[in-house]
């Protein structure tokens, strides 16, 4: 995994250029290009990073960039940055 897996997941989902960045407080509904198809790609990217499927409850709970980071950390795929 790269240094910041969460940003990589979002870049891939958004099909964004390298300059895309966001912090943990960024709400997904505040990212203009995160439409319904990008959200599907985001979930698929998270599942790929986890090598596991997400439950509907986990998917619904993802509201911020920080939620993605916490989900990866909870499943042992990324360390939580303090």
PDB file of N, CA and C in Angstrom:
ATOM      1  N   UNK A   1       0.833  -1.182   0.000  1.00  0.00           N
ATOM      2  CA  UNK A   1       0.000   0.000   0.000  1.00  0.00           C
ATOM      3  C   UNK A   1       0.877   1.244   0.000  1.00  0.00           C
ATOM      4  N   UNK A   2       0.325   2.279  -0.514  1.00  0.00           N
ATOM      5  CA  UNK A   2       1.073   3.526  -0.565  1.00  0.00           C
ATOM      6  C   UNK A   2       1.046   4.219   0.788  1.00  0.00           C
ATOM      7  N   UNK A   3       1.741   5.329   0.861  1.00  0.00           N
ATOM      8  CA  UNK A   3       1.826   6.077   2.113  1.00  0.00           C
ATOM      9  C   UNK A   3       0.448   6.489   2.620  1.00  0.00           C
ATOM     10  N   UNK A   4      -0.428   6.977   1.733  1.00  0.00           N
ATOM     11  CA  UNK A   4      -1.772   7.344   2.157  1.00  0.00           C
ATOM     12  C   UNK A   4      -2.791   6.609   1.284  1.00  0.00           C
ATOM     13  N   UNK A   5      -3.177   5.458   1.748  1.00  0.00           N
ATOM     14  CA  UNK A   5      -4.097   4.602   1.024  1.00  0.00           C
ATOM     15  C   UNK A   5      -5.444   5.280   0.809  1.00  0.00           C
ATOM     16  N   UNK A   6      -5.900   6.058   1.772  1.00  0.00           N
ATOM     17  CA  UNK A   6      -7.210   6.705   1.671  1.00  0.00           C
ATOM     18  C   UNK A   6      -7.247   7.682   0.501  1.00  0.00           C
ATOM     19  N   UNK A   7      -6.208   8.495   0.357  1.00  0.00           N
ATOM     20  CA  UNK A   7      -6.162   9.451  -0.759  1.00  0.00           C
ATOM     21  C   UNK A   7      -6.062   8.689  -2.079  1.00  0.00           C
ATOM     22  N   UNK A   8      -5.309   7.604  -2.101  1.00  0.00           N
ATOM     23  CA  UNK A   8      -5.220   6.788  -3.315  1.00  0.00           C
ATOM     24  C   UNK A   8      -6.589   6.206  -3.680  1.00  0.00           C
ATOM     25  N   UNK A   9      -7.327   5.731  -2.688  1.00  0.00           N
ATOM     26  CA  UNK A   9      -8.672   5.189  -2.915  1.00  0.00           C
ATOM     27  C   UNK A   9      -9.561   6.266  -3.528  1.00  0.00           C
ATOM     28  N   UNK A  10      -9.534   7.453  -2.956  1.00  0.00           N
ATOM     29  CA  UNK A  10     -10.380   8.537  -3.467  1.00  0.00           C
ATOM     30  C   UNK A  10      -9.937   9.002  -4.851  1.00  0.00           C
ATOM     31  N   UNK A  11      -8.642   9.087  -5.079  1.00  0.00           N
ATOM     32  CA  UNK A  11      -8.156   9.460  -6.424  1.00  0.00           C
ATOM     33  C   UNK A  11      -8.648   8.469  -7.466  1.00  0.00           C
ATOM     34  N   UNK A  12      -8.538   7.180  -7.150  1.00  0.00           N
ATOM     35  CA  UNK A  12      -8.995   6.153  -8.090  1.00  0.00           C
ATOM     36  C   UNK A  12     -10.503   6.229  -8.308  1.00  0.00           C
ATOM     37  N   UNK A  13     -11.251   6.415  -7.227  1.00  0.00           N
ATOM     38  CA  UNK A  13     -12.709   6.487  -7.338  1.00  0.00           C
ATOM     39  C   UNK A  13     -13.152   7.697  -8.146  1.00  0.00           C
ATOM     40  N   UNK A  14     -12.461   8.815  -7.920  1.00  0.00           N
ATOM     41  CA  UNK A  14     -12.815  10.057  -8.610  1.00  0.00           C
ATOM     42  C   UNK A  14     -12.168  10.162  -9.985  1.00  0.00           C
ATOM     43  N   UNK A  15     -11.266   9.235 -10.254  1.00  0.00           N
ATOM     44  CA  UNK A  15     -10.469   9.291 -11.478  1.00  0.00           C
ATOM     45  C   UNK A  15      -9.808  10.664 -11.567  1.00  0.00           C
ATOM     46  N   UNK A  16      -9.261  11.098 -10.419  1.00  0.00           N
ATOM     47  CA  UNK A  16      -8.688  12.440 -10.269  1.00  0.00           C
ATOM     48  C   UNK A  16      -7.205  12.439 -10.582  1.00  0.00           C
ATOM     49  N   UNK A  17      -6.715  13.609 -10.841  1.00  0.00           N
ATOM     50  CA  UNK A  17      -5.281  13.803 -11.057  1.00  0.00           C
ATOM     51  C   UNK A  17      -4.560  13.760  -9.707  1.00  0.00           C
ATOM     52  N   UNK A  18      -3.257  13.736  -9.748  1.00  0.00           N
ATOM     53  CA  UNK A  18      -2.444  13.625  -8.536  1.00  0.00           C
ATOM     54  C   UNK A  18      -2.636  14.769  -7.551  1.00  0.00           C
ATOM     55  N   UNK A  19      -3.093  15.930  -7.994  1.00  0.00           N
ATOM     56  CA  UNK A  19      -3.203  17.062  -7.078  1.00  0.00           C
ATOM     57  C   UNK A  19      -4.394  16.961  -6.126  1.00  0.00           C
ATOM     58  N   UNK A  20      -5.246  15.955  -6.260  1.00  0.00           N
ATOM     59  CA  UNK A  20      -6.380  15.803  -5.348  1.00  0.00           C
ATOM     60  C   UNK A  20      -5.871  15.539  -3.940  1.00  0.00           C
ATOM     61  N   UNK A  21      -6.438  16.244  -2.977  1.00  0.00           N
ATOM     62  CA  UNK A  21      -6.120  15.998  -1.578  1.00  0.00           C
ATOM     63  C   UNK A  21      -7.334  16.337  -0.728  1.00  0.00           C
ATOM     64  N   UNK A  22      -7.372  15.755   0.445  1.00  0.00           N
ATOM     65  CA  UNK A  22      -8.452  16.009   1.400  1.00  0.00           C
ATOM     66  C   UNK A  22      -7.936  15.635   2.777  1.00  0.00           C
ATOM     67  N   UNK A  23      -8.519  16.234   3.807  1.00  0.00           N
ATOM     68  CA  UNK A  23      -8.129  15.835   5.154  1.00  0.00           C
ATOM     69  C   UNK A  23      -9.240  14.982   5.762  1.00  0.00           C
ATOM     70  N   UNK A  24      -8.987  14.446   6.941  1.00  0.00           N
ATOM     71  CA  UNK A  24      -9.934  13.516   7.560  1.00  0.00           C
ATOM     72  C   UNK A  24     -11.295  14.132   7.833  1.00  0.00           C
ATOM     73  N   UNK A  25     -11.361  15.446   8.002  1.00  0.00           N
ATOM     74  CA  UNK A  25     -12.637  16.113   8.295  1.00  0.00           C
ATOM     75  C   UNK A  25     -13.468  16.356   7.037  1.00  0.00           C
ATOM     76  N   UNK A  26     -12.885  16.147   5.863  1.00  0.00           N
ATOM     77  CA  UNK A  26     -13.613  16.398   4.623  1.00  0.00           C
ATOM     78  C   UNK A  26     -14.789  15.432   4.497  1.00  0.00           C
ATOM     79  N   UNK A  27     -15.982  16.005   4.368  1.00  0.00           N
ATOM     80  CA  UNK A  27     -17.182  15.190   4.189  1.00  0.00           C
ATOM     81  C   UNK A  27     -17.270  14.764   2.725  1.00  0.00           C
ATOM     82  N   UNK A  28     -17.655  13.520   2.492  1.00  0.00           N
ATOM     83  CA  UNK A  28     -17.741  13.023   1.127  1.00  0.00           C
ATOM     84  C   UNK A  28     -18.748  13.818   0.305  1.00  0.00           C
ATOM     85  N   UNK A  29     -19.831  14.279   0.938  1.00  0.00           N
ATOM     86  CA  UNK A  29     -20.828  15.047   0.189  1.00  0.00           C
ATOM     87  C   UNK A  29     -20.346  16.454  -0.160  1.00  0.00           C
ATOM     88  N   UNK A  30     -19.150  16.846   0.339  1.00  0.00           N
ATOM     89  CA  UNK A  30     -18.555  18.129  -0.011  1.00  0.00           C
ATOM     90  C   UNK A  30     -17.587  18.024  -1.191  1.00  0.00           C
ATOM     91  N   UNK A  31     -17.342  16.807  -1.662  1.00  0.00           N
ATOM     92  CA  UNK A  31     -16.440  16.604  -2.795  1.00  0.00           C
ATOM     93  C   UNK A  31     -17.300  16.633  -4.055  1.00  0.00           C
ATOM     94  N   UNK A  32     -17.210  17.710  -4.845  1.00  0.00           N
ATOM     95  CA  UNK A  32     -18.129  17.914  -5.967  1.00  0.00           C
ATOM     96  C   UNK A  32     -18.157  16.772  -6.987  1.00  0.00           C
ATOM     97  N   UNK A  33     -17.025  16.182  -7.257  1.00  0.00           N
ATOM     98  CA  UNK A  33     -16.978  15.147  -8.292  1.00  0.00           C
ATOM     99  C   UNK A  33     -17.308  13.746  -7.769  1.00  0.00           C
ATOM    100  N   UNK A  34     -17.692  13.631  -6.505  1.00  0.00           N
ATOM    101  CA  UNK A  34     -18.030  12.327  -5.936  1.00  0.00           C
ATOM    102  C   UNK A  34     -19.520  12.063  -6.162  1.00  0.00           C
ATOM    103  N   UNK A  35     -19.845  11.707  -7.396  1.00  0.00           N
ATOM    104  CA  UNK A  35     -21.228  11.395  -7.744  1.00  0.00           C
ATOM    105  C   UNK A  35     -21.523   9.930  -7.403  1.00  0.00           C
ATOM    106  N   UNK A  36     -22.682   9.442  -7.784  1.00  0.00           N
ATOM    107  CA  UNK A  36     -23.078   8.084  -7.410  1.00  0.00           C
ATOM    108  C   UNK A  36     -22.144   7.025  -7.984  1.00  0.00           C
ATOM    109  N   UNK A  37     -21.679   7.209  -9.212  1.00  0.00           N
ATOM    110  CA  UNK A  37     -20.754   6.236  -9.804  1.00  0.00           C
ATOM    111  C   UNK A  37     -19.405   6.268  -9.103  1.00  0.00           C
ATOM    112  N   UNK A  38     -18.942   7.449  -8.740  1.00  0.00           N
ATOM    113  CA  UNK A  38     -17.671   7.568  -8.022  1.00  0.00           C
ATOM    114  C   UNK A  38     -17.785   6.921  -6.639  1.00  0.00           C
ATOM    115  N   UNK A  39     -18.956   7.022  -6.022  1.00  0.00           N
ATOM    116  CA  UNK A  39     -19.155   6.367  -4.715  1.00  0.00           C
ATOM    117  C   UNK A  39     -19.091   4.852  -4.847  1.00  0.00           C
ATOM    118  N   UNK A  40     -19.648   4.326  -5.922  1.00  0.00           N
ATOM    119  CA  UNK A  40     -19.561   2.880  -6.165  1.00  0.00           C
ATOM    120  C   UNK A  40     -18.097   2.494  -6.347  1.00  0.00           C
ATOM    121  N   UNK A  41     -17.371   3.264  -7.161  1.00  0.00           N
ATOM    122  CA  UNK A  41     -15.938   2.989  -7.355  1.00  0.00           C
ATOM    123  C   UNK A  41     -15.186   3.088  -6.038  1.00  0.00           C
ATOM    124  N   UNK A  42     -15.563   4.064  -5.176  1.00  0.00           N
ATOM    125  CA  UNK A  42     -14.913   4.215  -3.888  1.00  0.00           C
ATOM    126  C   UNK A  42     -15.094   2.964  -3.033  1.00  0.00           C
ATOM    127  N   UNK A  43     -16.315   2.458  -2.966  1.00  0.00           N
ATOM    128  CA  UNK A  43     -16.587   1.244  -2.186  1.00  0.00           C
ATOM    129  C   UNK A  43     -15.775   0.075  -2.745  1.00  0.00           C
ATOM    130  N   UNK A  44     -15.737  -0.054  -4.058  1.00  0.00           N
ATOM    131  CA  UNK A  44     -14.958  -1.133  -4.672  1.00  0.00           C
ATOM    132  C   UNK A  44     -13.469  -0.991  -4.369  1.00  0.00           C
ATOM    133  N   UNK A  45     -12.969   0.236  -4.367  1.00  0.00           N
ATOM    134  CA  UNK A  45     -11.561   0.482  -4.046  1.00  0.00           C
ATOM    135  C   UNK A  45     -11.268   0.141  -2.582  1.00  0.00           C
ATOM    136  N   UNK A  46     -12.185   0.482  -1.690  1.00  0.00           N
ATOM    137  CA  UNK A  46     -12.004   0.144  -0.267  1.00  0.00           C
ATOM    138  C   UNK A  46     -11.998  -1.371  -0.112  1.00  0.00           C
ATOM    139  N   UNK A  47     -12.944  -2.043  -0.748  1.00  0.00           N
ATOM    140  CA  UNK A  47     -12.998  -3.501  -0.662  1.00  0.00           C
ATOM    141  C   UNK A  47     -11.740  -4.140  -1.232  1.00  0.00           C
ATOM    142  N   UNK A  48     -11.207  -3.567  -2.311  1.00  0.00           N
ATOM    143  CA  UNK A  48      -9.967  -4.087  -2.894  1.00  0.00           C
ATOM    144  C   UNK A  48      -8.817  -3.922  -1.904  1.00  0.00           C
ATOM    145  N   UNK A  49      -8.734  -2.757  -1.264  1.00  0.00           N
ATOM    146  CA  UNK A  49      -7.662  -2.505  -0.295  1.00  0.00           C
ATOM    147  C   UNK A  49      -7.771  -3.445   0.903  1.00  0.00           C
ATOM    148  N   UNK A  50      -8.993  -3.754   1.302  1.00  0.00           N
ATOM    149  CA  UNK A  50      -9.223  -4.639   2.445  1.00  0.00           C
ATOM    150  C   UNK A  50      -9.165  -6.112   2.078  1.00  0.00           C
ATOM    151  N   UNK A  51      -9.308  -6.390   0.795  1.00  0.00           N
ATOM    152  CA  UNK A  51      -9.438  -7.766   0.327  1.00  0.00           C
ATOM    153  C   UNK A  51     -10.611  -8.438   1.050  1.00  0.00           C
ATOM    154  N   UNK A  52     -11.692  -7.675   1.177  1.00  0.00           N
ATOM    155  CA  UNK A  52     -12.887  -8.138   1.890  1.00  0.00           C
ATOM    156  C   UNK A  52     -14.066  -7.285   1.451  1.00  0.00           C
ATOM    157  N   UNK A  53     -15.242  -7.796   1.626  1.00  0.00           N
ATOM    158  CA  UNK A  53     -16.459  -7.051   1.291  1.00  0.00           C
ATOM    159  C   UNK A  53     -16.901  -6.227   2.484  1.00  0.00           C
ATOM    160  N   UNK A  54     -17.506  -5.076   2.201  1.00  0.00           N
ATOM    161  CA  UNK A  54     -18.075  -4.237   3.251  1.00  0.00           C
ATOM    162  C   UNK A  54     -19.545  -4.584   3.438  1.00  0.00           C
ATOM    163  N   UNK A  55     -20.009  -4.480   4.664  1.00  0.00           N
ATOM    164  CA  UNK A  55     -21.436  -4.662   4.920  1.00  0.00           C
ATOM    165  C   UNK A  55     -22.164  -3.376   4.535  1.00  0.00           C
ATOM    166  N   UNK A  56     -23.456  -3.468   4.372  1.00  0.00           N
ATOM    167  CA  UNK A  56     -24.250  -2.283   4.053  1.00  0.00           C
ATOM    168  C   UNK A  56     -24.119  -1.239   5.161  1.00  0.00           C
ATOM    169  N   UNK A  57     -24.064  -1.681   6.413  1.00  0.00           N
ATOM    170  CA  UNK A  57     -23.914  -0.755   7.535  1.00  0.00           C
ATOM    171  C   UNK A  57     -22.586  -0.012   7.454  1.00  0.00           C
ATOM    172  N   UNK A  58     -21.511  -0.722   7.084  1.00  0.00           N
ATOM    173  CA  UNK A  58     -20.205  -0.075   6.947  1.00  0.00           C
ATOM    174  C   UNK A  58     -20.217   0.951   5.814  1.00  0.00           C
ATOM    175  N   UNK A  59     -20.845   0.613   4.717  1.00  0.00           N
ATOM    176  CA  UNK A  59     -20.916   1.522   3.568  1.00  0.00           C
ATOM    177  C   UNK A  59     -21.694   2.785   3.937  1.00  0.00           C
ATOM    178  N   UNK A  60     -22.835   2.612   4.580  1.00  0.00           N
ATOM    179  CA  UNK A  60     -23.677   3.748   4.962  1.00  0.00           C
ATOM    180  C   UNK A  60     -22.964   4.654   5.964  1.00  0.00           C
ATOM    181  N   UNK A  61     -22.120   4.076   6.820  1.00  0.00           N
ATOM    182  CA  UNK A  61     -21.435   4.847   7.861  1.00  0.00           C
ATOM    183  C   UNK A  61     -20.308   5.725   7.323  1.00  0.00           C
ATOM    184  N   UNK A  62     -19.896   5.524   6.078  1.00  0.00           N
ATOM    185  CA  UNK A  62     -18.787   6.309   5.523  1.00  0.00           C
ATOM    186  C   UNK A  62     -19.310   7.681   5.117  1.00  0.00           C
ATOM    187  N   UNK A  63     -19.012   8.681   5.933  1.00  0.00           N
ATOM    188  CA  UNK A  63     -19.451  10.052   5.665  1.00  0.00           C
ATOM    189  C   UNK A  63     -18.294  11.011   5.441  1.00  0.00           C
ATOM    190  N   UNK A  64     -17.107  10.674   5.965  1.00  0.00           N
ATOM    191  CA  UNK A  64     -15.942  11.552   5.836  1.00  0.00           C
ATOM    192  C   UNK A  64     -14.727  10.744   5.393  1.00  0.00           C
ATOM    193  N   UNK A  65     -13.699  11.472   5.001  1.00  0.00           N
ATOM    194  CA  UNK A  65     -12.429  10.836   4.664  1.00  0.00           C
ATOM    195  C   UNK A  65     -11.896  10.093   5.887  1.00  0.00           C
ATOM    196  N   UNK A  66     -12.066  10.670   7.063  1.00  0.00           N
ATOM    197  CA  UNK A  66     -11.635  10.032   8.300  1.00  0.00           C
ATOM    198  C   UNK A  66     -12.335   8.713   8.567  1.00  0.00           C
ATOM    199  N   UNK A  67     -13.593   8.603   8.155  1.00  0.00           N
ATOM    200  CA  UNK A  67     -14.314   7.338   8.326  1.00  0.00           C
ATOM    201  C   UNK A  67     -13.666   6.230   7.494  1.00  0.00           C
ATOM    202  N   UNK A  68     -13.200   6.573   6.303  1.00  0.00           N
ATOM    203  CA  UNK A  68     -12.504   5.577   5.468  1.00  0.00           C
ATOM    204  C   UNK A  68     -11.229   5.137   6.180  1.00  0.00           C
ATOM    205  N   UNK A  69     -10.470   6.111   6.687  1.00  0.00           N
ATOM    206  CA  UNK A  69      -9.219   5.797   7.388  1.00  0.00           C
ATOM    207  C   UNK A  69      -9.499   4.913   8.607  1.00  0.00           C
ATOM    208  N   UNK A  70     -10.527   5.234   9.382  1.00  0.00           N
ATOM    209  CA  UNK A  70     -10.872   4.446  10.566  1.00  0.00           C
ATOM    210  C   UNK A  70     -11.308   3.036  10.196  1.00  0.00           C
ATOM    211  N   UNK A  71     -12.043   2.910   9.107  1.00  0.00           N
ATOM    212  CA  UNK A  71     -12.484   1.592   8.650  1.00  0.00           C
ATOM    213  C   UNK A  71     -11.278   0.738   8.269  1.00  0.00           C
ATOM    214  N   UNK A  72     -10.333   1.314   7.526  1.00  0.00           N
ATOM    215  CA  UNK A  72      -9.122   0.582   7.157  1.00  0.00           C
ATOM    216  C   UNK A  72      -8.320   0.199   8.396  1.00  0.00           C
ATOM    217  N   UNK A  73      -8.238   1.116   9.355  1.00  0.00           N
ATOM    218  CA  UNK A  73      -7.493   0.838  10.586  1.00  0.00           C
ATOM    219  C   UNK A  73      -8.171  -0.264  11.401  1.00  0.00           C
ATOM    220  N   UNK A  74      -9.491  -0.217  11.477  1.00  0.00           N
ATOM    221  CA  UNK A  74     -10.237  -1.219  12.247  1.00  0.00           C
ATOM    222  C   UNK A  74     -10.056  -2.618  11.671  1.00  0.00           C
ATOM    223  N   UNK A  75      -9.839  -2.670  10.375  1.00  0.00           N
ATOM    224  CA  UNK A  75      -9.656  -3.972   9.723  1.00  0.00           C
ATOM    225  C   UNK A  75      -8.185  -4.302   9.533  1.00  0.00           C
ATOM    226  N   UNK A  76      -7.309  -3.495  10.174  1.00  0.00           N
ATOM    227  CA  UNK A  76      -5.888  -3.793  10.185  1.00  0.00           C
ATOM    228  C   UNK A  76      -5.137  -3.475   8.908  1.00  0.00           C
ATOM    229  N   UNK A  77      -5.680  -2.612   8.068  1.00  0.00           N
ATOM    230  CA  UNK A  77      -5.038  -2.308   6.783  1.00  0.00           C
ATOM    231  C   UNK A  77      -4.286  -0.984   6.764  1.00  0.00           C
ATOM    232  N   UNK A  78      -4.444  -0.191   7.793  1.00  0.00           N
ATOM    233  CA  UNK A  78      -3.747   1.097   7.831  1.00  0.00           C
ATOM    234  C   UNK A  78      -3.629   1.542   9.266  1.00  0.00           C
ATOM    235  N   UNK A  79      -2.502   2.136   9.614  1.00  0.00           N
ATOM    236  CA  UNK A  79      -2.334   2.670  10.955  1.00  0.00           C
ATOM    237  C   UNK A  79      -3.042   4.008  11.042  1.00  0.00           C
ATOM    238  N   UNK A  80      -3.634   4.272  12.191  1.00  0.00           N
ATOM    239  CA  UNK A  80      -4.295   5.548  12.427  1.00  0.00           C
ATOM    240  C   UNK A  80      -3.217   6.569  12.705  1.00  0.00           C
ATOM    241  N   UNK A  81      -3.286   7.693  11.984  1.00  0.00           N
ATOM    242  CA  UNK A  81      -2.296   8.753  12.186  1.00  0.00           C
ATOM    243  C   UNK A  81      -2.783   9.663  13.303  1.00  0.00           C
ATOM    244  N   UNK A  82      -1.908  10.006  14.210  1.00  0.00           N
ATOM    245  CA  UNK A  82      -2.304  10.826  15.347  1.00  0.00           C
ATOM    246  C   UNK A  82      -1.839  12.177  15.188  1.00  0.00           C
TER     247      UNK A  82
END
